Amino acid sequence: MDISVVITTCNRPAFLKEALEGIAAQTFKPKEVVIVNDCSDISYNLVLDTIKKVNARHILLKERSGANRARNIGIRECSGGIIAFLDDDDIWLPNYLSEIYRQYQDGADSVVTGFRQLGNENVVVINSDVEVTKTSLVRGNTYCGMSGFSCRRKVVEKLQFDETLPNGQDWDMFVRLFTEGMDFKNIPEALFLYRFQNEDGIGAKVRKLSPKDIYPRLASAYKHKEFLGDYWFKKRVSEQVLFSLKHKRNKIKWLFLSVKLAGVRATISFFFRALRRKVLKKPMLI
């Protein structure tokens, strides 16, 4: 039972170099590393030596396709029985692969883990579940992003990443794995470093959106509306609409949109939770 690694990257060679150095430091070595470069238009010469160091394959796509399609291409290029996914801006701690491998030895179909904030490692995000549960999933992604996700190849080949979703692809995959009845484990330990708030990351892009442009970002919530139920659906929609509100223009329009789509209760609850996190000094979920 071998582990293949799929890394997606786009215009971030310096970050990719750090990610690959994290792979080189693993105590359990992967069978192969496949880098899917989503049509970057800047040079990756900076990272060529590190790519050779981990004996990785670097696949440069000819047109910009999005992270989900890049991951699906990576899946098709892999031969290991397990695929571990890594975003180019995150870094695995040295025991990441060895810890997830133990779960697969015990029969897991898929595994997620906790993480630390890169650059501020005292901030730790861990879900205490040992198995992924609906109780946690309806609350959103309370586990991790793609860099803490791995899956048996035969399973993820069947499910594939939803290329129509502009965001929430991790949560969407987790929900589908759960509803398919897979043996889906969570390791309640911080096993990788997650980079918050990149200049070109999702948070920065959302801050620049106008209210009329938010609808595609609600697609995962509407896709799993029945799974969520009314309360959690409205909560998820309000969180998507009001995310990073203090950095957005036209704050009143965003507030009215939240009320329109999710209702007054969900909108008020969003601010109550934000205040509670601030008082308790808890990090936001990813």
C-alpha atoms as a PDB file:
ATOM      1  CA  MET A   1       0.000   0.000   0.000  1.00  0.00           C
ATOM      2  CA  ASP A   2       1.795   3.084  -1.315  1.00  0.00           C
ATOM      3  CA  ILE A   3       1.041   6.798  -0.983  1.00  0.00           C
ATOM      4  CA  SER A   4       0.999   9.136  -3.960  1.00  0.00           C
ATOM      5  CA  VAL A   5       1.094  12.891  -3.373  1.00  0.00           C
ATOM      6  CA  VAL A   6      -0.830  15.353  -5.548  1.00  0.00           C
ATOM      7  CA  ILE A   7       0.124  19.023  -5.286  1.00  0.00           C
ATOM      8  CA  THR A   8      -1.739  21.752  -7.130  1.00  0.00           C
ATOM      9  CA  THR A   9       0.081  25.010  -7.808  1.00  0.00           C
ATOM     10  CA  CYS A  10      -0.413  28.246  -9.710  1.00  0.00           C
ATOM     11  CA  ASN A  11       2.025  31.182  -9.798  1.00  0.00           C
ATOM     12  CA  ARG A  12       3.519  30.393  -6.382  1.00  0.00           C
ATOM     13  CA  PRO A  13       6.937  28.798  -6.907  1.00  0.00           C
ATOM     14  CA  ALA A  14       8.343  30.056  -3.588  1.00  0.00           C
ATOM     15  CA  PHE A  15       5.467  28.473  -1.662  1.00  0.00           C
ATOM     16  CA  LEU A  16       5.771  25.259  -3.669  1.00  0.00           C
ATOM     17  CA  LYS A  17       9.445  25.044  -2.733  1.00  0.00           C
ATOM     18  CA  GLU A  18       8.522  25.114   0.974  1.00  0.00           C
ATOM     19  CA  ALA A  19       5.809  22.492   0.442  1.00  0.00           C
ATOM     20  CA  LEU A  20       8.246  20.177  -1.333  1.00  0.00           C
ATOM     21  CA  GLU A  21      10.845  20.633   1.390  1.00  0.00           C
ATOM     22  CA  GLY A  22       8.160  19.457   3.825  1.00  0.00           C
ATOM     23  CA  ILE A  23       7.713  16.316   1.713  1.00  0.00           C
ATOM     24  CA  ALA A  24      11.463  15.722   1.638  1.00  0.00           C
ATOM     25  CA  ALA A  25      11.475  15.826   5.458  1.00  0.00           C
ATOM     26  CA  GLN A  26       8.776  13.138   5.850  1.00  0.00           C
ATOM     27  CA  THR A  27       9.703  10.150   7.972  1.00  0.00           C
ATOM     28  CA  PHE A  28       7.498   7.995   5.698  1.00  0.00           C
ATOM     29  CA  LYS A  29       8.417   8.519   2.045  1.00  0.00           C
ATOM     30  CA  PRO A  30       5.722   8.638  -0.647  1.00  0.00           C
ATOM     31  CA  LYS A  31       5.833   6.431  -3.725  1.00  0.00           C
ATOM     32  CA  GLU A  32       5.542   9.436  -6.028  1.00  0.00           C
ATOM     33  CA  VAL A  33       4.862  13.160  -6.086  1.00  0.00           C
ATOM     34  CA  VAL A  34       2.755  14.634  -8.872  1.00  0.00           C
ATOM     35  CA  ILE A  35       2.690  18.424  -9.236  1.00  0.00           C
ATOM     36  CA  VAL A  36      -0.147  19.789 -11.365  1.00  0.00           C
ATOM     37  CA  ASN A  37       0.694  23.339 -12.371  1.00  0.00           C
ATOM     38  CA  ASP A  38      -2.482  25.175 -13.365  1.00  0.00           C
ATOM     39  CA  CYS A  39      -1.048  27.132 -16.301  1.00  0.00           C
ATOM     40  CA  SER A  40       1.269  29.400 -14.301  1.00  0.00           C
ATOM     41  CA  ASP A  41       2.565  32.367 -16.260  1.00  0.00           C
ATOM     42  CA  ILE A  42       5.658  32.961 -14.135  1.00  0.00           C
ATOM     43  CA  SER A  43       8.896  30.983 -14.009  1.00  0.00           C
ATOM     44  CA  TYR A  44       9.300  27.968 -11.739  1.00  0.00           C
ATOM     45  CA  ASN A  45      13.081  27.836 -12.134  1.00  0.00           C
ATOM     46  CA  LEU A  46      13.386  28.676  -8.432  1.00  0.00           C
ATOM     47  CA  VAL A  47      11.947  25.321  -7.473  1.00  0.00           C
ATOM     48  CA  LEU A  48      13.405  22.990 -10.111  1.00  0.00           C
ATOM     49  CA  ASP A  49      16.156  21.641  -7.841  1.00  0.00           C
ATOM     50  CA  THR A  50      13.639  20.861  -5.104  1.00  0.00           C
ATOM     51  CA  ILE A  51      11.362  19.122  -7.614  1.00  0.00           C
ATOM     52  CA  LYS A  52      14.312  16.901  -8.552  1.00  0.00           C
ATOM     53  CA  LYS A  53      15.130  16.340  -4.881  1.00  0.00           C
ATOM     54  CA  VAL A  54      11.783  14.640  -4.254  1.00  0.00           C
ATOM     55  CA  ASN A  55      11.751  13.043  -7.728  1.00  0.00           C
ATOM     56  CA  ALA A  56       8.456  14.749  -8.560  1.00  0.00           C
ATOM     57  CA  ARG A  57       6.672  14.946 -11.888  1.00  0.00           C
ATOM     58  CA  HIS A  58       5.746  18.481 -12.901  1.00  0.00           C
ATOM     59  CA  ILE A  59       2.708  18.656 -15.190  1.00  0.00           C
ATOM     60  CA  LEU A  60       2.082  22.108 -16.673  1.00  0.00           C
ATOM     61  CA  LEU A  61      -1.480  22.533 -17.913  1.00  0.00           C
ATOM     62  CA  LYS A  62      -1.878  24.449 -21.163  1.00  0.00           C
ATOM     63  CA  GLU A  63      -4.912  26.429 -19.992  1.00  0.00           C
ATOM     64  CA  ARG A  64      -6.156  27.650 -16.624  1.00  0.00           C
ATOM     65  CA  SER A  65      -8.539  24.979 -15.354  1.00  0.00           C
ATOM     66  CA  GLY A  66      -9.096  25.583 -11.635  1.00  0.00           C
ATOM     67  CA  ALA A  67      -7.920  23.646  -8.599  1.00  0.00           C
ATOM     68  CA  ASN A  68     -10.604  20.950  -8.780  1.00  0.00           C
ATOM     69  CA  ARG A  69      -9.823  19.951 -12.357  1.00  0.00           C
ATOM     70  CA  ALA A  70      -6.107  20.068 -11.539  1.00  0.00           C
ATOM     71  CA  ARG A  71      -6.709  17.645  -8.657  1.00  0.00           C
ATOM     72  CA  ASN A  72      -8.728  15.319 -10.880  1.00  0.00           C
ATOM     73  CA  ILE A  73      -5.900  15.308 -13.409  1.00  0.00           C
ATOM     74  CA  GLY A  74      -3.504  14.513 -10.582  1.00  0.00           C
ATOM     75  CA  ILE A  75      -5.664  11.576  -9.508  1.00  0.00           C
ATOM     76  CA  ARG A  76      -5.512  10.118 -13.010  1.00  0.00           C
ATOM     77  CA  GLU A  77      -1.721  10.452 -13.026  1.00  0.00           C
ATOM     78  CA  CYS A  78      -1.219   8.562  -9.755  1.00  0.00           C
ATOM     79  CA  SER A  79      -0.538   4.873  -9.215  1.00  0.00           C
ATOM     80  CA  GLY A  80      -0.422   4.602  -5.404  1.00  0.00           C
ATOM     81  CA  GLY A  81      -3.236   2.997  -3.456  1.00  0.00           C
ATOM     82  CA  ILE A  82      -3.601   6.153  -1.347  1.00  0.00           C
ATOM     83  CA  ILE A  83      -3.560   9.743  -2.574  1.00  0.00           C
ATOM     84  CA  ALA A  84      -2.573  12.549  -0.198  1.00  0.00           C
ATOM     85  CA  PHE A  85      -3.451  16.044  -1.425  1.00  0.00           C
ATOM     86  CA  LEU A  86      -1.357  19.119  -0.680  1.00  0.00           C
ATOM     87  CA  ASP A  87      -1.925  22.763  -1.616  1.00  0.00           C
ATOM     88  CA  ASP A  88       1.242  24.544  -2.669  1.00  0.00           C
ATOM     89  CA  ASP A  89       1.041  27.111   0.145  1.00  0.00           C
ATOM     90  CA  ASP A  90       0.849  24.644   3.047  1.00  0.00           C
ATOM     91  CA  ILE A  91       3.531  22.476   4.661  1.00  0.00           C
ATOM     92  CA  TRP A  92       3.281  18.975   6.112  1.00  0.00           C
ATOM     93  CA  LEU A  93       4.992  18.331   9.420  1.00  0.00           C
ATOM     94  CA  PRO A  94       7.536  15.442   9.265  1.00  0.00           C
ATOM     95  CA  ASN A  95       5.180  12.818  10.707  1.00  0.00           C
ATOM     96  CA  TYR A  96       2.185  13.641   8.499  1.00  0.00           C
ATOM     97  CA  LEU A  97       2.441  10.709   6.081  1.00  0.00           C
ATOM     98  CA  SER A  98       3.412   8.189   8.761  1.00  0.00           C
ATOM     99  CA  GLU A  99       0.386   9.132  10.898  1.00  0.00           C
ATOM    100  CA  ILE A 100      -2.159   8.903   8.089  1.00  0.00           C
ATOM    101  CA  TYR A 101      -0.613   5.641   6.866  1.00  0.00           C
ATOM    102  CA  ARG A 102      -1.425   4.010  10.207  1.00  0.00           C
ATOM    103  CA  GLN A 103      -5.099   4.831   9.666  1.00  0.00           C
ATOM    104  CA  TYR A 104      -5.090   3.127   6.276  1.00  0.00           C
ATOM    105  CA  GLN A 105      -3.397   0.082   7.766  1.00  0.00           C
ATOM    106  CA  ASP A 106      -6.394  -0.106  10.117  1.00  0.00           C
ATOM    107  CA  GLY A 107      -8.829  -0.015   7.186  1.00  0.00           C
ATOM    108  CA  ALA A 108      -9.682   3.670   6.679  1.00  0.00           C
ATOM    109  CA  ASP A 109     -11.026   4.769   3.287  1.00  0.00           C
ATOM    110  CA  SER A 110     -10.195   8.429   3.856  1.00  0.00           C
ATOM    111  CA  VAL A 111      -8.443  10.544   6.490  1.00  0.00           C
ATOM    112  CA  VAL A 112      -8.381  14.188   7.627  1.00  0.00           C
ATOM    113  CA  THR A 113      -6.221  15.850  10.287  1.00  0.00           C
ATOM    114  CA  GLY A 114      -5.843  19.009  12.337  1.00  0.00           C
ATOM    115  CA  PHE A 115      -3.329  21.779  11.670  1.00  0.00           C
ATOM    116  CA  ARG A 116      -1.351  24.727  13.016  1.00  0.00           C
ATOM    117  CA  GLN A 117      -1.300  28.228  11.570  1.00  0.00           C
ATOM    118  CA  LEU A 118       1.869  28.767   9.586  1.00  0.00           C
ATOM    119  CA  GLY A 119       3.834  31.637  11.098  1.00  0.00           C
ATOM    120  CA  ASN A 120       1.769  31.586  14.268  1.00  0.00           C
ATOM    121  CA  GLU A 121       2.083  27.963  15.337  1.00  0.00           C
ATOM    122  CA  ASN A 122       0.451  28.470  18.723  1.00  0.00           C
ATOM    123  CA  VAL A 123      -2.874  28.741  16.852  1.00  0.00           C
ATOM    124  CA  VAL A 124      -4.072  25.146  16.549  1.00  0.00           C
ATOM    125  CA  VAL A 125      -7.271  23.952  14.857  1.00  0.00           C
ATOM    126  CA  ILE A 126      -8.261  20.412  15.845  1.00  0.00           C
ATOM    127  CA  ASN A 127     -11.596  18.611  15.734  1.00  0.00           C
ATOM    128  CA  SER A 128     -11.733  16.039  18.558  1.00  0.00           C
ATOM    129  CA  ASP A 129     -13.667  13.497  16.467  1.00  0.00           C
ATOM    130  CA  VAL A 130     -11.895  10.250  15.653  1.00  0.00           C
ATOM    131  CA  GLU A 131     -14.386   9.622  12.857  1.00  0.00           C
ATOM    132  CA  VAL A 132     -15.895  12.276  10.606  1.00  0.00           C
ATOM    133  CA  THR A 133     -19.456  12.891  11.758  1.00  0.00           C
ATOM    134  CA  LYS A 134     -22.564  14.565  10.403  1.00  0.00           C
ATOM    135  CA  THR A 135     -22.732  16.616  13.607  1.00  0.00           C
ATOM    136  CA  SER A 136     -19.446  18.249  12.626  1.00  0.00           C
ATOM    137  CA  LEU A 137     -20.083  18.433   8.872  1.00  0.00           C
ATOM    138  CA  VAL A 138     -23.348  20.359   9.147  1.00  0.00           C
ATOM    139  CA  ARG A 139     -21.405  23.023  11.039  1.00  0.00           C
ATOM    140  CA  GLY A 140     -19.167  23.522   8.015  1.00  0.00           C
ATOM    141  CA  ASN A 141     -15.602  22.454   7.471  1.00  0.00           C
ATOM    142  CA  THR A 142     -14.515  21.918  11.057  1.00  0.00           C
ATOM    143  CA  TYR A 143     -11.693  19.583  10.055  1.00  0.00           C
ATOM    144  CA  CYS A 144      -9.138  20.921   7.550  1.00  0.00           C
ATOM    145  CA  GLY A 145      -8.514  22.061   4.007  1.00  0.00           C
ATOM    146  CA  MET A 146      -7.153  19.945   1.192  1.00  0.00           C
ATOM    147  CA  SER A 147      -3.651  19.722   2.672  1.00  0.00           C
ATOM    148  CA  GLY A 148      -4.963  17.531   5.491  1.00  0.00           C
ATOM    149  CA  PHE A 149      -7.041  15.281   3.235  1.00  0.00           C
ATOM    150  CA  SER A 150      -6.124  11.887   1.839  1.00  0.00           C
ATOM    151  CA  CYS A 151      -8.164   9.067   0.343  1.00  0.00           C
ATOM    152  CA  ARG A 152      -7.874   5.632  -1.178  1.00  0.00           C
ATOM    153  CA  ARG A 153      -7.364   6.102  -4.899  1.00  0.00           C
ATOM    154  CA  LYS A 154     -10.207   3.764  -5.915  1.00  0.00           C
ATOM    155  CA  VAL A 155     -12.629   5.838  -3.819  1.00  0.00           C
ATOM    156  CA  VAL A 156     -11.574   9.313  -4.962  1.00  0.00           C
ATOM    157  CA  GLU A 157     -11.358   8.102  -8.579  1.00  0.00           C
ATOM    158  CA  LYS A 158     -15.053   7.243  -8.328  1.00  0.00           C
ATOM    159  CA  LEU A 159     -16.189  10.426  -6.587  1.00  0.00           C
ATOM    160  CA  GLN A 160     -13.869  12.978  -8.267  1.00  0.00           C
ATOM    161  CA  PHE A 161     -13.762  16.636  -7.258  1.00  0.00           C
ATOM    162  CA  ASP A 162     -16.718  18.716  -8.393  1.00  0.00           C
ATOM    163  CA  GLU A 163     -15.245  20.993 -11.054  1.00  0.00           C
ATOM    164  CA  THR A 164     -18.326  23.233 -11.056  1.00  0.00           C
ATOM    165  CA  LEU A 165     -17.660  24.483  -7.513  1.00  0.00           C
ATOM    166  CA  PRO A 166     -15.541  27.644  -7.160  1.00  0.00           C
ATOM    167  CA  ASN A 167     -15.045  27.004  -3.422  1.00  0.00           C
ATOM    168  CA  GLY A 168     -16.006  24.573  -0.679  1.00  0.00           C
ATOM    169  CA  GLN A 169     -14.584  21.647  -2.650  1.00  0.00           C
ATOM    170  CA  ASP A 170     -13.062  20.138   0.496  1.00  0.00           C
ATOM    171  CA  TRP A 171     -16.327  20.249   2.451  1.00  0.00           C
ATOM    172  CA  ASP A 172     -18.261  18.974  -0.570  1.00  0.00           C
ATOM    173  CA  MET A 173     -15.922  15.995  -0.849  1.00  0.00           C
ATOM    174  CA  PHE A 174     -16.174  15.284   2.884  1.00  0.00           C
ATOM    175  CA  VAL A 175     -19.983  15.304   2.752  1.00  0.00           C
ATOM    176  CA  ARG A 176     -20.034  12.952  -0.226  1.00  0.00           C
ATOM    177  CA  LEU A 177     -17.580  10.553   1.409  1.00  0.00           C
ATOM    178  CA  PHE A 178     -19.722  10.542   4.550  1.00  0.00           C
ATOM    179  CA  THR A 179     -23.012   9.997   2.717  1.00  0.00           C
ATOM    180  CA  GLU A 180     -21.413   7.172   0.689  1.00  0.00           C
ATOM    181  CA  GLY A 181     -20.760   5.400   3.992  1.00  0.00           C
ATOM    182  CA  MET A 182     -16.969   5.384   3.746  1.00  0.00           C
ATOM    183  CA  ASP A 183     -14.725   4.620   6.724  1.00  0.00           C
ATOM    184  CA  PHE A 184     -13.736   8.263   7.155  1.00  0.00           C
ATOM    185  CA  LYS A 185     -11.264   8.933   9.967  1.00  0.00           C
ATOM    186  CA  ASN A 186     -10.092  12.135  11.612  1.00  0.00           C
ATOM    187  CA  ILE A 187      -6.756  12.383  13.412  1.00  0.00           C
ATOM    188  CA  PRO A 188      -7.258  14.913  16.237  1.00  0.00           C
ATOM    189  CA  GLU A 189      -3.689  16.192  15.993  1.00  0.00           C
ATOM    190  CA  ALA A 190      -2.083  19.148  14.212  1.00  0.00           C
ATOM    191  CA  LEU A 191      -0.069  17.457  11.454  1.00  0.00           C
ATOM    192  CA  PHE A 192       0.468  20.284   8.982  1.00  0.00           C
ATOM    193  CA  LEU A 193       0.955  24.042   8.737  1.00  0.00           C
ATOM    194  CA  TYR A 194      -1.859  26.003   7.105  1.00  0.00           C
ATOM    195  CA  ARG A 195      -1.166  29.408   5.585  1.00  0.00           C
ATOM    196  CA  PHE A 196      -3.958  31.872   6.435  1.00  0.00           C
ATOM    197  CA  GLN A 197      -4.919  34.905   4.349  1.00  0.00           C
ATOM    198  CA  ASN A 198      -2.639  34.809   1.335  1.00  0.00           C
ATOM    199  CA  GLU A 199      -2.636  37.962  -0.762  1.00  0.00           C
ATOM    200  CA  ASP A 200      -3.978  35.879  -3.653  1.00  0.00           C
ATOM    201  CA  GLY A 201      -5.991  33.520  -1.477  1.00  0.00           C
ATOM    202  CA  ILE A 202      -9.727  32.974  -1.193  1.00  0.00           C
ATOM    203  CA  GLY A 203     -10.178  35.497   1.620  1.00  0.00           C
ATOM    204  CA  ALA A 204      -8.526  38.280  -0.363  1.00  0.00           C
ATOM    205  CA  LYS A 205     -10.651  37.508  -3.417  1.00  0.00           C
ATOM    206  CA  VAL A 206     -13.904  37.433  -1.437  1.00  0.00           C
ATOM    207  CA  ARG A 207     -13.207  40.872   0.012  1.00  0.00           C
ATOM    208  CA  LYS A 208     -13.231  42.327  -3.503  1.00  0.00           C
ATOM    209  CA  LEU A 209     -16.537  40.762  -4.553  1.00  0.00           C
ATOM    210  CA  SER A 210     -19.720  42.734  -4.949  1.00  0.00           C
ATOM    211  CA  PRO A 211     -22.914  41.276  -3.426  1.00  0.00           C
ATOM    212  CA  LYS A 212     -24.236  40.171  -6.824  1.00  0.00           C
ATOM    213  CA  ASP A 213     -21.116  38.070  -7.383  1.00  0.00           C
ATOM    214  CA  ILE A 214     -21.464  35.947  -4.239  1.00  0.00           C
ATOM    215  CA  TYR A 215     -23.987  33.465  -5.641  1.00  0.00           C
ATOM    216  CA  PRO A 216     -21.478  31.022  -7.203  1.00  0.00           C
ATOM    217  CA  ARG A 217     -19.812  30.738  -3.792  1.00  0.00           C
ATOM    218  CA  LEU A 218     -23.071  29.464  -2.324  1.00  0.00           C
ATOM    219  CA  ALA A 219     -23.192  26.504  -4.713  1.00  0.00           C
ATOM    220  CA  SER A 220     -21.906  23.905  -2.235  1.00  0.00           C
ATOM    221  CA  ALA A 221     -24.512  24.935   0.340  1.00  0.00           C
ATOM    222  CA  TYR A 222     -27.345  24.633  -2.170  1.00  0.00           C
ATOM    223  CA  LYS A 223     -25.928  21.338  -3.466  1.00  0.00           C
ATOM    224  CA  HIS A 224     -26.153  19.841   0.031  1.00  0.00           C
ATOM    225  CA  LYS A 225     -29.204  21.747   1.277  1.00  0.00           C
ATOM    226  CA  GLU A 226     -31.070  18.558   2.166  1.00  0.00           C
ATOM    227  CA  PHE A 227     -28.061  17.163   4.047  1.00  0.00           C
ATOM    228  CA  LEU A 228     -27.714  20.403   6.021  1.00  0.00           C
ATOM    229  CA  GLY A 229     -31.339  20.928   6.930  1.00  0.00           C
ATOM    230  CA  ASP A 230     -32.926  24.364   7.204  1.00  0.00           C
ATOM    231  CA  TYR A 231     -31.036  25.722  10.235  1.00  0.00           C
ATOM    232  CA  TRP A 232     -27.534  24.710   9.133  1.00  0.00           C
ATOM    233  CA  PHE A 233     -28.196  25.657   5.524  1.00  0.00           C
ATOM    234  CA  LYS A 234     -29.107  29.201   6.512  1.00  0.00           C
ATOM    235  CA  LYS A 235     -26.148  29.390   8.874  1.00  0.00           C
ATOM    236  CA  ARG A 236     -23.759  28.343   6.100  1.00  0.00           C
ATOM    237  CA  VAL A 237     -25.236  30.846   3.652  1.00  0.00           C
ATOM    238  CA  SER A 238     -25.006  33.726   6.135  1.00  0.00           C
ATOM    239  CA  GLU A 239     -21.378  32.834   6.879  1.00  0.00           C
ATOM    240  CA  GLN A 240     -20.525  32.824   3.192  1.00  0.00           C
ATOM    241  CA  VAL A 241     -22.252  36.146   2.586  1.00  0.00           C
ATOM    242  CA  LEU A 242     -20.851  37.927   5.646  1.00  0.00           C
ATOM    243  CA  PHE A 243     -17.364  36.421   5.580  1.00  0.00           C
ATOM    244  CA  SER A 244     -14.690  39.113   6.103  1.00  0.00           C
ATOM    245  CA  LEU A 245     -17.411  41.791   6.250  1.00  0.00           C
ATOM    246  CA  LYS A 246     -15.182  44.374   7.939  1.00  0.00           C
ATOM    247  CA  HIS A 247     -12.946  44.424   4.861  1.00  0.00           C
ATOM    248  CA  LYS A 248     -15.771  44.726   2.311  1.00  0.00           C
ATOM    249  CA  ARG A 249     -17.338  47.756   0.732  1.00  0.00           C
ATOM    250  CA  ASN A 250     -21.104  48.335   0.795  1.00  0.00           C
ATOM    251  CA  LYS A 251     -21.479  46.609   4.162  1.00  0.00           C
ATOM    252  CA  ILE A 252     -25.187  47.450   4.357  1.00  0.00           C
ATOM    253  CA  LYS A 253     -25.863  45.696   1.061  1.00  0.00           C
ATOM    254  CA  TRP A 254     -24.089  42.594   2.342  1.00  0.00           C
ATOM    255  CA  LEU A 255     -26.177  42.671   5.509  1.00  0.00           C
ATOM    256  CA  PHE A 256     -29.413  42.960   3.562  1.00  0.00           C
ATOM    257  CA  LEU A 257     -28.328  40.129   1.276  1.00  0.00           C
ATOM    258  CA  SER A 258     -27.697  37.878   4.273  1.00  0.00           C
ATOM    259  CA  VAL A 259     -31.165  38.674   5.634  1.00  0.00           C
ATOM    260  CA  LYS A 260     -32.696  38.029   2.209  1.00  0.00           C
ATOM    261  CA  LEU A 261     -31.004  34.672   1.652  1.00  0.00           C
ATOM    262  CA  ALA A 262     -30.606  33.327   5.191  1.00  0.00           C
ATOM    263  CA  GLY A 263     -33.029  35.270   7.359  1.00  0.00           C
ATOM    264  CA  VAL A 264     -32.732  37.607  10.343  1.00  0.00           C
ATOM    265  CA  ARG A 265     -31.972  34.866  12.872  1.00  0.00           C
ATOM    266  CA  ALA A 266     -29.009  33.459  10.946  1.00  0.00           C
ATOM    267  CA  THR A 267     -27.638  36.942  10.295  1.00  0.00           C
ATOM    268  CA  ILE A 268     -27.781  37.968  13.960  1.00  0.00           C
ATOM    269  CA  SER A 269     -26.296  34.629  14.995  1.00  0.00           C
ATOM    270  CA  PHE A 270     -23.307  35.269  12.730  1.00  0.00           C
ATOM    271  CA  PHE A 271     -22.362  38.377  14.699  1.00  0.00           C
ATOM    272  CA  PHE A 272     -22.991  36.678  18.022  1.00  0.00           C
ATOM    273  CA  ARG A 273     -20.574  33.883  17.096  1.00  0.00           C
ATOM    274  CA  ALA A 274     -17.979  36.389  15.870  1.00  0.00           C
ATOM    275  CA  LEU A 275     -18.171  38.265  19.181  1.00  0.00           C
ATOM    276  CA  ARG A 276     -17.912  35.029  21.128  1.00  0.00           C
ATOM    277  CA  ARG A 277     -14.799  33.974  19.186  1.00  0.00           C
ATOM    278  CA  LYS A 278     -13.228  37.344  19.900  1.00  0.00           C
ATOM    279  CA  VAL A 279     -13.946  37.155  23.630  1.00  0.00           C
ATOM    280  CA  LEU A 280     -12.714  33.561  23.868  1.00  0.00           C
ATOM    281  CA  LYS A 281      -9.815  34.273  21.486  1.00  0.00           C
ATOM    282  CA  LYS A 282     -10.693  31.303  19.294  1.00  0.00           C
ATOM    283  CA  PRO A 283      -9.565  31.137  15.661  1.00  0.00           C
ATOM    284  CA  MET A 284     -12.140  31.128  12.877  1.00  0.00           C
ATOM    285  CA  LEU A 285     -12.795  27.861  11.102  1.00  0.00           C
ATOM    286  CA  ILE A 286     -11.108  27.512   7.749  1.00  0.00           C
END
